């Protein structure tokens, strides 16, 4: 497969009952390695000092991209689970399923940090915009978003800075055909 993960995603991704199944891509060690490199590559010279990822797939991918870039990782948690220390908190706009989420991030970054958000999929950008608010409320600079699948409307400015992806959602076929 290719070294940037694109062909891996296109060959391994499946729709399951109308739901996106990206986990099968992660289950293949070679594909996962290529996907992580593909998410990191466009950002290698951007001065990223930390990667941020939203629970749960953002934890898996974000931590791996942080290792790839040789920088730290900061997790963003959903809901009310245990998360010690001082935190920034925000509630997202409505997501593609009509839900709002409370997102929390530890205040472990500051004005010298330049942060990249990594996730598996961006539909409307509500969680990504909330992540940007968290990053900026801690004084850090939000650089942009690196995702496996981009489903953002290209005609609107999502307020996310630079967005890079391995594939566009329309390349993955019809979710109703399984």
Foldseek 3Di string as FASTA:
>chain_A
DDQQLLVLCQVQWDQDQLHTDCVSLVVDPSSLNSNLCNLQVVCLPVPAQEEEAEPDQQVVSRCSNCVVSVHYYWYKYWDDDDDDADKDWDWWDQAPVRDIIIIITHLPDAQVGEYEYEGAEDAACRVLVVVCVRCVVSHYHYAFYGYAEYNYDPVDDSPGHDYHYSYYPVSNDGSVPD
